[in-house]
Amino acid sequence: MFFRKAGGVSWLVVFLGNPGREYENTRHNAGFLAADAMEKLTGTAINKLKFHALTGRCTVGNEDVLLMKPQTYMNLSGDAVGEAARFYKIPAEKVIVVSDETALPIGRLRVRRSGSAGGHNGLKSIISALGGENFPRIRLGVGGKPHEDYDMRDWVLSRVTGQDLDALTDAAQRAAKAAVCYIENGPDKAMNEFNQGK
């Protein structure tokens, strides 16, 4: 089902986060947790520096896929995504972005064909780079702020621990499977299967 292959690329799967040990297991790095799960699922190392990102190549079904972890920091994620999409001439509807979502309870997934940034700076950057919102996304719930006065930046950069980390790690594994399902079977199948559950 999964192979490494040379040549062109027909899909990008982009996992959003911030590089560096200080950001490990923070809410904003839920996408990087999903990248770890995708490495295990596909047997692909995401470790080659290209397009301002760590990348890895695999085949999902009959599709050649580039897996990406932008190293630009979250707010400039579009720099990496836009460069790769232009290089491989990949349309926006074949760029799947995996990111955190504070509007969802921790552990929930939401798969969508497209949508707004919803205040997420990484998605804003990618929308700007791709020239629109017409790209699929898989959003991992990281829970909302504990109270209204809590600073959102502090919240998304806070570490997830204990049962919440277990739930987020499980969601990351499902997010990797959702990306594979989206590529192999299309958006309807992926939404029906992965928008339910925890």
N, C-alpha and C. Protein backbone atom coordinates (compact mmCIF):
# COMPACT_ATOMS: atom_id res chain seq x y z
N MET A 1 0.80 -1.20 0.00
CA MET A 1 0.00 0.00 0.00
C MET A 1 0.85 1.26 0.00
N PHE A 2 1.97 1.25 0.73
CA PHE A 2 2.83 2.44 0.80
C PHE A 2 4.21 2.09 0.24
N PHE A 3 4.71 2.93 -0.65
CA PHE A 3 6.02 2.70 -1.25
C PHE A 3 6.75 4.03 -1.38
N ARG A 4 8.06 3.97 -1.42
CA ARG A 4 8.84 5.15 -1.78
C ARG A 4 9.03 5.14 -3.28
N LYS A 5 8.95 6.30 -3.90
CA LYS A 5 9.00 6.34 -5.35
C LYS A 5 9.64 7.65 -5.82
N ALA A 6 10.42 7.58 -6.87
CA ALA A 6 11.02 8.78 -7.46
C ALA A 6 10.06 9.37 -8.48
N GLY A 7 10.35 10.59 -8.97
CA GLY A 7 9.53 11.19 -10.00
C GLY A 7 8.67 12.30 -9.45
N GLY A 8 7.53 12.54 -10.14
CA GLY A 8 6.65 13.63 -9.78
C GLY A 8 5.84 13.34 -8.53
N VAL A 9 5.16 14.37 -8.05
CA VAL A 9 4.32 14.27 -6.87
C VAL A 9 2.94 14.78 -7.25
N SER A 10 1.89 14.08 -6.82
CA SER A 10 0.53 14.48 -7.17
C SER A 10 -0.25 15.03 -5.98
N TRP A 11 0.23 14.79 -4.74
CA TRP A 11 -0.41 15.31 -3.53
C TRP A 11 0.64 15.82 -2.57
N LEU A 12 0.26 16.84 -1.79
CA LEU A 12 1.02 17.26 -0.61
C LEU A 12 0.18 16.98 0.63
N VAL A 13 0.82 16.44 1.66
CA VAL A 13 0.19 16.38 2.98
C VAL A 13 1.10 17.17 3.91
N VAL A 14 0.56 18.26 4.45
CA VAL A 14 1.35 19.23 5.22
C VAL A 14 0.92 19.17 6.69
N PHE A 15 1.89 18.96 7.57
CA PHE A 15 1.64 18.87 9.00
C PHE A 15 2.19 20.13 9.66
N LEU A 16 1.31 20.90 10.30
CA LEU A 16 1.73 22.20 10.83
C LEU A 16 2.20 22.11 12.28
N GLY A 17 3.21 22.91 12.58
CA GLY A 17 3.76 23.00 13.92
C GLY A 17 4.91 23.98 13.93
N ASN A 18 5.56 24.07 15.08
CA ASN A 18 6.75 24.91 15.23
C ASN A 18 7.95 24.01 15.50
N PRO A 19 9.07 24.23 14.82
CA PRO A 19 10.26 23.42 15.07
C PRO A 19 10.92 23.78 16.40
N GLY A 20 11.62 22.84 16.98
CA GLY A 20 12.36 23.10 18.21
C GLY A 20 11.79 22.36 19.40
N ARG A 21 12.69 21.93 20.28
CA ARG A 21 12.30 21.13 21.44
C ARG A 21 11.31 21.86 22.36
N GLU A 22 11.44 23.20 22.41
CA GLU A 22 10.57 23.95 23.33
C GLU A 22 9.11 23.89 22.93
N TYR A 23 8.82 23.49 21.68
CA TYR A 23 7.44 23.42 21.21
C TYR A 23 6.88 22.00 21.19
N GLU A 24 7.68 21.01 21.57
CA GLU A 24 7.21 19.63 21.54
C GLU A 24 6.01 19.46 22.46
N ASN A 25 5.02 18.72 21.97
CA ASN A 25 3.81 18.39 22.73
C ASN A 25 3.01 19.61 23.17
N THR A 26 3.16 20.72 22.44
CA THR A 26 2.26 21.86 22.67
C THR A 26 1.03 21.69 21.77
N ARG A 27 -0.03 22.40 22.11
CA ARG A 27 -1.28 22.27 21.35
C ARG A 27 -1.08 22.67 19.89
N HIS A 28 -0.28 23.69 19.66
CA HIS A 28 -0.05 24.17 18.30
C HIS A 28 0.72 23.15 17.46
N ASN A 29 1.35 22.16 18.10
CA ASN A 29 2.13 21.17 17.37
C ASN A 29 1.39 19.85 17.17
N ALA A 30 0.07 19.90 17.26
CA ALA A 30 -0.72 18.69 17.01
C ALA A 30 -0.44 18.14 15.61
N GLY A 31 -0.21 19.02 14.65
CA GLY A 31 0.10 18.56 13.29
C GLY A 31 1.39 17.76 13.25
N PHE A 32 2.39 18.18 14.01
CA PHE A 32 3.65 17.43 14.04
C PHE A 32 3.46 16.05 14.68
N LEU A 33 2.56 15.94 15.67
CA LEU A 33 2.24 14.62 16.23
C LEU A 33 1.64 13.73 15.15
N ALA A 34 0.79 14.31 14.30
CA ALA A 34 0.20 13.54 13.20
C ALA A 34 1.27 13.12 12.18
N ALA A 35 2.29 13.97 12.00
CA ALA A 35 3.40 13.61 11.10
C ALA A 35 4.14 12.39 11.64
N ASP A 36 4.36 12.35 12.96
CA ASP A 36 5.00 11.18 13.57
C ASP A 36 4.17 9.93 13.30
N ALA A 37 2.85 10.05 13.43
CA ALA A 37 1.97 8.92 13.17
C ALA A 37 2.02 8.50 11.70
N MET A 38 2.12 9.49 10.80
CA MET A 38 2.17 9.19 9.37
C MET A 38 3.47 8.47 9.01
N GLU A 39 4.57 8.85 9.67
CA GLU A 39 5.83 8.14 9.45
C GLU A 39 5.68 6.66 9.76
N LYS A 40 5.06 6.36 10.90
CA LYS A 40 4.87 4.96 11.29
C LYS A 40 3.90 4.25 10.37
N LEU A 41 2.82 4.92 9.99
CA LEU A 41 1.80 4.32 9.14
C LEU A 41 2.33 3.96 7.77
N THR A 42 3.16 4.84 7.19
CA THR A 42 3.63 4.65 5.82
C THR A 42 5.05 4.10 5.73
N GLY A 43 5.76 4.06 6.87
CA GLY A 43 7.16 3.64 6.84
C GLY A 43 8.06 4.64 6.14
N THR A 44 7.67 5.91 6.19
CA THR A 44 8.39 6.98 5.51
C THR A 44 9.02 7.92 6.52
N ALA A 45 10.31 8.20 6.38
CA ALA A 45 10.97 9.17 7.24
C ALA A 45 10.76 10.57 6.67
N ILE A 46 10.24 11.47 7.50
CA ILE A 46 10.07 12.87 7.08
C ILE A 46 11.28 13.63 7.62
N ASN A 47 12.38 13.56 6.86
CA ASN A 47 13.65 14.08 7.39
C ASN A 47 14.54 14.77 6.36
N LYS A 48 14.06 14.89 5.12
CA LYS A 48 14.87 15.53 4.08
C LYS A 48 14.49 17.01 3.98
N LEU A 49 15.46 17.89 4.15
CA LEU A 49 15.18 19.33 4.13
C LEU A 49 15.02 19.82 2.69
N LYS A 50 13.81 20.29 2.39
CA LYS A 50 13.49 20.80 1.06
C LYS A 50 12.29 21.73 1.19
N PHE A 51 12.26 22.80 0.42
CA PHE A 51 11.15 23.77 0.46
C PHE A 51 10.95 24.35 1.87
N HIS A 52 12.02 24.61 2.60
CA HIS A 52 11.92 25.13 3.97
C HIS A 52 11.11 24.20 4.86
N ALA A 53 11.19 22.90 4.59
CA ALA A 53 10.42 21.92 5.35
C ALA A 53 11.21 20.62 5.43
N LEU A 54 10.89 19.81 6.45
CA LEU A 54 11.33 18.43 6.45
C LEU A 54 10.33 17.64 5.63
N THR A 55 10.81 16.82 4.70
CA THR A 55 9.93 16.14 3.76
C THR A 55 10.24 14.65 3.69
N GLY A 56 9.28 13.93 3.17
CA GLY A 56 9.43 12.51 2.89
C GLY A 56 8.48 12.15 1.75
N ARG A 57 8.87 11.16 0.95
CA ARG A 57 8.06 10.76 -0.21
C ARG A 57 7.51 9.36 0.00
N CYS A 58 6.25 9.16 -0.41
CA CYS A 58 5.66 7.82 -0.39
C CYS A 58 4.58 7.76 -1.46
N THR A 59 4.07 6.57 -1.68
CA THR A 59 2.94 6.37 -2.57
C THR A 59 1.77 5.88 -1.74
N VAL A 60 0.63 6.53 -1.88
CA VAL A 60 -0.61 6.13 -1.22
C VAL A 60 -1.58 5.70 -2.30
N GLY A 61 -1.96 4.42 -2.30
CA GLY A 61 -2.74 3.92 -3.42
C GLY A 61 -1.90 4.03 -4.68
N ASN A 62 -2.40 4.77 -5.66
CA ASN A 62 -1.64 5.00 -6.90
C ASN A 62 -1.08 6.42 -6.98
N GLU A 63 -1.13 7.13 -5.86
CA GLU A 63 -0.74 8.54 -5.86
C GLU A 63 0.62 8.75 -5.21
N ASP A 64 1.45 9.58 -5.85
CA ASP A 64 2.74 9.97 -5.29
C ASP A 64 2.53 11.15 -4.35
N VAL A 65 3.00 11.02 -3.12
CA VAL A 65 2.69 11.99 -2.08
C VAL A 65 3.97 12.52 -1.45
N LEU A 66 4.01 13.84 -1.27
CA LEU A 66 5.08 14.47 -0.50
C LEU A 66 4.53 14.84 0.86
N LEU A 67 5.14 14.31 1.91
CA LEU A 67 4.79 14.65 3.28
C LEU A 67 5.69 15.78 3.74
N MET A 68 5.13 16.79 4.41
CA MET A 68 5.89 17.99 4.75
C MET A 68 5.65 18.43 6.19
N LYS A 69 6.74 18.81 6.87
CA LYS A 69 6.67 19.50 8.16
C LYS A 69 7.39 20.84 7.98
N PRO A 70 6.68 21.92 7.68
CA PRO A 70 7.35 23.20 7.48
C PRO A 70 8.21 23.57 8.70
N GLN A 71 9.39 24.12 8.41
CA GLN A 71 10.33 24.53 9.46
C GLN A 71 10.41 26.04 9.56
N THR A 72 9.41 26.73 9.04
CA THR A 72 9.41 28.19 8.95
C THR A 72 8.82 28.85 10.20
N TYR A 73 8.34 28.07 11.14
CA TYR A 73 7.46 28.50 12.23
C TYR A 73 6.06 28.73 11.66
N MET A 74 5.09 28.55 12.54
CA MET A 74 3.69 28.45 12.13
C MET A 74 3.23 29.58 11.23
N ASN A 75 3.53 30.82 11.60
CA ASN A 75 2.95 31.97 10.90
C ASN A 75 3.43 32.11 9.46
N LEU A 76 4.50 31.40 9.10
CA LEU A 76 5.03 31.48 7.73
C LEU A 76 4.93 30.13 7.01
N SER A 77 4.02 29.27 7.46
CA SER A 77 3.88 27.94 6.85
C SER A 77 3.63 28.00 5.35
N GLY A 78 2.94 29.03 4.91
CA GLY A 78 2.64 29.17 3.49
C GLY A 78 3.87 29.30 2.62
N ASP A 79 4.98 29.81 3.17
CA ASP A 79 6.21 29.92 2.38
C ASP A 79 6.65 28.55 1.89
N ALA A 80 6.60 27.56 2.78
CA ALA A 80 7.01 26.20 2.42
C ALA A 80 5.98 25.55 1.50
N VAL A 81 4.71 25.68 1.86
CA VAL A 81 3.65 25.00 1.10
C VAL A 81 3.54 25.57 -0.31
N GLY A 82 3.57 26.89 -0.41
CA GLY A 82 3.46 27.52 -1.72
C GLY A 82 4.60 27.13 -2.64
N GLU A 83 5.81 27.09 -2.11
CA GLU A 83 6.97 26.73 -2.92
C GLU A 83 6.85 25.31 -3.45
N ALA A 84 6.46 24.37 -2.59
CA ALA A 84 6.33 22.97 -3.01
C ALA A 84 5.19 22.80 -4.01
N ALA A 85 4.06 23.46 -3.77
CA ALA A 85 2.91 23.35 -4.68
C ALA A 85 3.25 23.89 -6.06
N ARG A 86 3.97 25.00 -6.10
CA ARG A 86 4.37 25.55 -7.40
C ARG A 86 5.37 24.65 -8.10
N PHE A 87 6.33 24.12 -7.36
CA PHE A 87 7.37 23.28 -7.96
C PHE A 87 6.75 22.05 -8.62
N TYR A 88 5.82 21.40 -7.93
CA TYR A 88 5.22 20.17 -8.46
C TYR A 88 3.93 20.43 -9.23
N LYS A 89 3.51 21.71 -9.34
CA LYS A 89 2.28 22.08 -10.04
C LYS A 89 1.06 21.33 -9.48
N ILE A 90 0.96 21.36 -8.16
CA ILE A 90 -0.13 20.67 -7.47
C ILE A 90 -1.25 21.65 -7.18
N PRO A 91 -2.47 21.37 -7.61
CA PRO A 91 -3.58 22.28 -7.34
C PRO A 91 -3.95 22.27 -5.86
N ALA A 92 -4.57 23.35 -5.41
CA ALA A 92 -4.89 23.50 -3.99
C ALA A 92 -5.74 22.35 -3.46
N GLU A 93 -6.63 21.80 -4.28
CA GLU A 93 -7.51 20.73 -3.80
C GLU A 93 -6.78 19.42 -3.54
N LYS A 94 -5.48 19.38 -3.86
CA LYS A 94 -4.66 18.20 -3.55
C LYS A 94 -3.56 18.54 -2.54
N VAL A 95 -3.78 19.59 -1.77
CA VAL A 95 -2.89 19.96 -0.67
C VAL A 95 -3.66 19.78 0.63
N ILE A 96 -3.40 18.69 1.35
CA ILE A 96 -4.08 18.43 2.62
C ILE A 96 -3.25 19.02 3.76
N VAL A 97 -3.88 19.86 4.57
CA VAL A 97 -3.18 20.50 5.68
C VAL A 97 -3.72 19.95 7.01
N VAL A 98 -2.83 19.48 7.85
CA VAL A 98 -3.18 18.90 9.15
C VAL A 98 -2.73 19.88 10.23
N SER A 99 -3.69 20.34 11.05
CA SER A 99 -3.36 21.38 12.04
C SER A 99 -4.21 21.22 13.30
N ASP A 100 -3.88 22.02 14.31
CA ASP A 100 -4.63 22.05 15.56
C ASP A 100 -5.89 22.87 15.41
N GLU A 101 -6.87 22.60 16.29
CA GLU A 101 -8.14 23.33 16.26
C GLU A 101 -8.66 23.54 17.68
N THR A 102 -8.67 24.80 18.14
CA THR A 102 -9.12 25.09 19.50
C THR A 102 -10.64 25.04 19.64
N ALA A 103 -11.38 25.07 18.53
CA ALA A 103 -12.84 25.03 18.59
C ALA A 103 -13.37 23.62 18.77
N LEU A 104 -12.49 22.62 18.74
CA LEU A 104 -12.90 21.22 18.91
C LEU A 104 -12.39 20.69 20.25
N PRO A 105 -13.16 19.83 20.90
CA PRO A 105 -12.67 19.18 22.12
C PRO A 105 -11.41 18.37 21.82
N ILE A 106 -10.58 18.23 22.80
CA ILE A 106 -9.33 17.49 22.59
C ILE A 106 -9.64 16.06 22.18
N GLY A 107 -8.97 15.61 21.12
CA GLY A 107 -9.16 14.26 20.63
C GLY A 107 -10.12 14.13 19.47
N ARG A 108 -10.91 15.17 19.16
CA ARG A 108 -11.83 15.11 18.03
C ARG A 108 -11.12 15.50 16.74
N LEU A 109 -11.60 14.98 15.62
CA LEU A 109 -11.09 15.34 14.29
C LEU A 109 -12.20 16.01 13.49
N ARG A 110 -11.78 16.88 12.58
CA ARG A 110 -12.71 17.43 11.60
C ARG A 110 -12.00 17.46 10.25
N VAL A 111 -12.55 16.72 9.30
CA VAL A 111 -12.04 16.68 7.93
C VAL A 111 -12.95 17.55 7.07
N ARG A 112 -12.37 18.45 6.29
CA ARG A 112 -13.13 19.34 5.42
C ARG A 112 -12.45 19.46 4.06
N ARG A 113 -13.28 19.70 3.02
CA ARG A 113 -12.73 19.95 1.68
C ARG A 113 -12.05 21.31 1.60
N SER A 114 -12.55 22.27 2.35
CA SER A 114 -12.04 23.64 2.30
C SER A 114 -12.58 24.37 3.52
N GLY A 115 -12.31 25.67 3.61
CA GLY A 115 -12.83 26.45 4.73
C GLY A 115 -11.95 27.64 5.04
N SER A 116 -12.42 28.43 5.98
CA SER A 116 -11.66 29.63 6.36
C SER A 116 -10.50 29.26 7.29
N ALA A 117 -9.69 30.25 7.60
CA ALA A 117 -8.57 30.03 8.52
C ALA A 117 -9.05 29.88 9.96
N GLY A 118 -10.21 30.46 10.28
CA GLY A 118 -10.73 30.37 11.63
C GLY A 118 -9.80 30.95 12.67
N GLY A 119 -9.04 31.97 12.29
CA GLY A 119 -8.11 32.60 13.23
C GLY A 119 -6.77 31.90 13.36
N HIS A 120 -6.56 30.82 12.61
CA HIS A 120 -5.31 30.05 12.69
C HIS A 120 -4.27 30.67 11.75
N ASN A 121 -3.18 31.16 12.32
CA ASN A 121 -2.20 31.90 11.52
C ASN A 121 -1.48 31.03 10.50
N GLY A 122 -1.26 29.76 10.80
CA GLY A 122 -0.66 28.87 9.82
C GLY A 122 -1.55 28.70 8.61
N LEU A 123 -2.85 28.52 8.84
CA LEU A 123 -3.80 28.40 7.73
C LEU A 123 -3.92 29.71 6.96
N LYS A 124 -3.89 30.83 7.67
CA LYS A 124 -3.92 32.13 6.98
C LYS A 124 -2.75 32.25 6.01
N SER A 125 -1.58 31.84 6.46
CA SER A 125 -0.38 31.92 5.62
C SER A 125 -0.52 31.03 4.39
N ILE A 126 -1.08 29.85 4.56
CA ILE A 126 -1.25 28.92 3.44
C ILE A 126 -2.32 29.42 2.48
N ILE A 127 -3.40 29.98 3.00
CA ILE A 127 -4.43 30.57 2.14
C ILE A 127 -3.83 31.66 1.27
N SER A 128 -2.98 32.50 1.86
CA SER A 128 -2.32 33.55 1.10
C SER A 128 -1.40 32.97 0.04
N ALA A 129 -0.64 31.94 0.39
CA ALA A 129 0.32 31.34 -0.55
C ALA A 129 -0.36 30.63 -1.70
N LEU A 130 -1.50 29.97 -1.42
CA LEU A 130 -2.18 29.20 -2.47
C LEU A 130 -3.22 30.03 -3.21
N GLY A 131 -3.48 31.23 -2.73
CA GLY A 131 -4.40 32.12 -3.42
C GLY A 131 -5.87 31.81 -3.17
N GLY A 132 -6.17 31.15 -2.06
CA GLY A 132 -7.57 30.87 -1.75
C GLY A 132 -7.70 29.79 -0.68
N GLU A 133 -8.95 29.52 -0.31
CA GLU A 133 -9.25 28.59 0.78
C GLU A 133 -9.58 27.18 0.30
N ASN A 134 -9.47 26.95 -1.01
CA ASN A 134 -9.95 25.70 -1.59
C ASN A 134 -8.94 24.56 -1.46
N PHE A 135 -8.50 24.30 -0.22
CA PHE A 135 -7.63 23.14 0.02
C PHE A 135 -8.19 22.36 1.21
N PRO A 136 -8.09 21.03 1.17
CA PRO A 136 -8.61 20.22 2.27
C PRO A 136 -7.78 20.37 3.53
N ARG A 137 -8.45 20.17 4.65
CA ARG A 137 -7.73 20.23 5.91
C ARG A 137 -8.28 19.19 6.88
N ILE A 138 -7.39 18.73 7.73
CA ILE A 138 -7.74 17.82 8.82
C ILE A 138 -7.34 18.53 10.10
N ARG A 139 -8.32 18.83 10.94
CA ARG A 139 -8.06 19.62 12.13
C ARG A 139 -8.22 18.75 13.37
N LEU A 140 -7.21 18.82 14.23
CA LEU A 140 -7.18 18.03 15.46
C LEU A 140 -7.62 18.91 16.63
N GLY A 141 -8.64 18.47 17.34
CA GLY A 141 -9.10 19.22 18.49
C GLY A 141 -8.07 19.26 19.60
N VAL A 142 -7.79 20.46 20.10
CA VAL A 142 -6.86 20.62 21.22
C VAL A 142 -7.54 21.28 22.41
N GLY A 143 -8.86 21.49 22.31
CA GLY A 143 -9.61 22.09 23.41
C GLY A 143 -9.52 23.61 23.41
N GLY A 144 -10.56 24.24 23.92
CA GLY A 144 -10.60 25.69 23.99
C GLY A 144 -9.93 26.22 25.24
N LYS A 145 -9.76 27.54 25.28
CA LYS A 145 -9.15 28.19 26.44
C LYS A 145 -9.93 27.87 27.71
N PRO A 146 -9.24 27.73 28.83
CA PRO A 146 -9.93 27.39 30.08
C PRO A 146 -10.86 28.51 30.56
N HIS A 147 -10.58 29.76 30.21
CA HIS A 147 -11.49 30.86 30.52
C HIS A 147 -11.23 32.00 29.54
N GLU A 148 -12.20 32.88 29.41
CA GLU A 148 -12.20 33.90 28.36
C GLU A 148 -10.99 34.82 28.41
N ASP A 149 -10.46 35.10 29.60
CA ASP A 149 -9.35 36.03 29.75
C ASP A 149 -7.99 35.40 29.44
N TYR A 150 -7.98 34.10 29.22
CA TYR A 150 -6.72 33.39 28.96
C TYR A 150 -6.21 33.79 27.57
N ASP A 151 -4.95 34.14 27.46
CA ASP A 151 -4.37 34.56 26.18
C ASP A 151 -4.28 33.37 25.22
N MET A 152 -4.83 33.54 24.01
CA MET A 152 -4.87 32.42 23.06
C MET A 152 -3.47 31.94 22.69
N ARG A 153 -2.52 32.86 22.54
CA ARG A 153 -1.16 32.44 22.20
C ARG A 153 -0.58 31.57 23.30
N ASP A 154 -0.79 31.97 24.55
CA ASP A 154 -0.30 31.16 25.66
C ASP A 154 -0.97 29.78 25.66
N TRP A 155 -2.26 29.76 25.31
CA TRP A 155 -2.99 28.49 25.33
C TRP A 155 -2.45 27.52 24.28
N VAL A 156 -2.29 27.98 23.03
CA VAL A 156 -1.87 27.06 21.98
C VAL A 156 -0.41 26.65 22.14
N LEU A 157 0.38 27.46 22.87
CA LEU A 157 1.78 27.10 23.11
C LEU A 157 1.98 26.38 24.44
N SER A 158 0.86 26.07 25.12
CA SER A 158 0.97 25.30 26.36
C SER A 158 1.11 23.81 26.05
N ARG A 159 1.79 23.11 26.94
CA ARG A 159 2.02 21.68 26.75
C ARG A 159 0.79 20.86 27.10
N VAL A 160 0.61 19.78 26.37
CA VAL A 160 -0.45 18.82 26.64
C VAL A 160 0.17 17.67 27.41
N THR A 161 -0.47 17.25 28.50
CA THR A 161 0.09 16.19 29.34
C THR A 161 -1.02 15.19 29.72
N GLY A 162 -0.59 14.09 30.31
CA GLY A 162 -1.51 13.13 30.90
C GLY A 162 -2.53 12.58 29.93
N GLN A 163 -3.80 12.50 30.38
CA GLN A 163 -4.86 11.93 29.55
C GLN A 163 -5.11 12.76 28.30
N ASP A 164 -4.93 14.07 28.40
CA ASP A 164 -5.10 14.92 27.21
C ASP A 164 -4.06 14.57 26.14
N LEU A 165 -2.83 14.32 26.55
CA LEU A 165 -1.80 13.93 25.59
C LEU A 165 -2.13 12.58 24.97
N ASP A 166 -2.64 11.66 25.77
CA ASP A 166 -3.04 10.35 25.23
C ASP A 166 -4.14 10.53 24.18
N ALA A 167 -5.13 11.38 24.49
CA ALA A 167 -6.23 11.62 23.55
C ALA A 167 -5.74 12.29 22.28
N LEU A 168 -4.80 13.24 22.42
CA LEU A 168 -4.28 13.94 21.25
C LEU A 168 -3.41 13.01 20.40
N THR A 169 -2.65 12.15 21.04
CA THR A 169 -1.82 11.18 20.31
C THR A 169 -2.70 10.22 19.53
N ASP A 170 -3.79 9.78 20.14
CA ASP A 170 -4.74 8.91 19.45
C ASP A 170 -5.36 9.63 18.25
N ALA A 171 -5.74 10.90 18.46
CA ALA A 171 -6.30 11.69 17.37
C ALA A 171 -5.29 11.88 16.24
N ALA A 172 -4.01 12.05 16.59
CA ALA A 172 -2.97 12.20 15.58
C ALA A 172 -2.85 10.95 14.72
N GLN A 173 -2.98 9.79 15.34
CA GLN A 173 -2.95 8.54 14.59
C GLN A 173 -4.13 8.45 13.62
N ARG A 174 -5.31 8.87 14.10
CA ARG A 174 -6.49 8.87 13.24
C ARG A 174 -6.37 9.91 12.13
N ALA A 175 -5.71 11.03 12.43
CA ALA A 175 -5.52 12.06 11.40
C ALA A 175 -4.66 11.54 10.26
N ALA A 176 -3.62 10.79 10.60
CA ALA A 176 -2.77 10.19 9.55
C ALA A 176 -3.59 9.24 8.69
N LYS A 177 -4.42 8.43 9.33
CA LYS A 177 -5.27 7.51 8.57
C LYS A 177 -6.30 8.26 7.74
N ALA A 178 -6.79 9.38 8.27
CA ALA A 178 -7.76 10.19 7.53
C ALA A 178 -7.13 10.78 6.27
N ALA A 179 -5.89 11.21 6.35
CA ALA A 179 -5.21 11.74 5.16
C ALA A 179 -5.07 10.66 4.09
N VAL A 180 -4.69 9.45 4.52
CA VAL A 180 -4.58 8.33 3.58
C VAL A 180 -5.94 8.03 2.96
N CYS A 181 -6.98 7.99 3.79
CA CYS A 181 -8.34 7.72 3.31
C CYS A 181 -8.79 8.78 2.32
N TYR A 182 -8.48 10.05 2.60
CA TYR A 182 -8.87 11.15 1.72
C TYR A 182 -8.25 10.96 0.33
N ILE A 183 -6.99 10.61 0.30
CA ILE A 183 -6.29 10.43 -0.98
C ILE A 183 -6.81 9.20 -1.72
N GLU A 184 -7.00 8.11 -0.99
CA GLU A 184 -7.40 6.85 -1.64
C GLU A 184 -8.87 6.81 -2.03
N ASN A 185 -9.73 7.39 -1.16
CA ASN A 185 -11.18 7.18 -1.32
C ASN A 185 -11.99 8.44 -1.50
N GLY A 186 -11.35 9.62 -1.37
CA GLY A 186 -12.05 10.87 -1.58
C GLY A 186 -12.58 11.49 -0.29
N PRO A 187 -13.03 12.74 -0.38
CA PRO A 187 -13.42 13.50 0.81
C PRO A 187 -14.65 12.95 1.53
N ASP A 188 -15.65 12.50 0.79
CA ASP A 188 -16.88 12.04 1.44
C ASP A 188 -16.61 10.86 2.36
N LYS A 189 -15.86 9.89 1.86
CA LYS A 189 -15.51 8.71 2.67
C LYS A 189 -14.72 9.14 3.91
N ALA A 190 -13.75 10.02 3.72
CA ALA A 190 -12.92 10.46 4.85
C ALA A 190 -13.75 11.21 5.88
N MET A 191 -14.64 12.09 5.43
CA MET A 191 -15.47 12.84 6.36
C MET A 191 -16.43 11.93 7.11
N ASN A 192 -17.04 11.00 6.39
CA ASN A 192 -17.99 10.09 7.03
C ASN A 192 -17.31 9.22 8.09
N GLU A 193 -16.10 8.81 7.81
CA GLU A 193 -15.41 7.89 8.70
C GLU A 193 -14.75 8.58 9.88
N PHE A 194 -14.18 9.76 9.65
CA PHE A 194 -13.31 10.35 10.69
C PHE A 194 -13.91 11.57 11.39
N ASN A 195 -15.01 12.13 10.89
CA ASN A 195 -15.64 13.25 11.60
C ASN A 195 -16.52 12.76 12.74
N GLN A 196 -16.69 11.45 12.86
CA GLN A 196 -17.43 10.87 13.98
C GLN A 196 -16.45 10.55 15.08
N GLY A 197 -16.93 9.85 16.08
CA GLY A 197 -16.00 9.32 17.10
C GLY A 197 -15.74 10.29 18.20
N LYS A 198 -14.52 10.16 18.78
CA LYS A 198 -14.20 10.83 20.03
C LYS A 198 -14.26 12.34 19.88
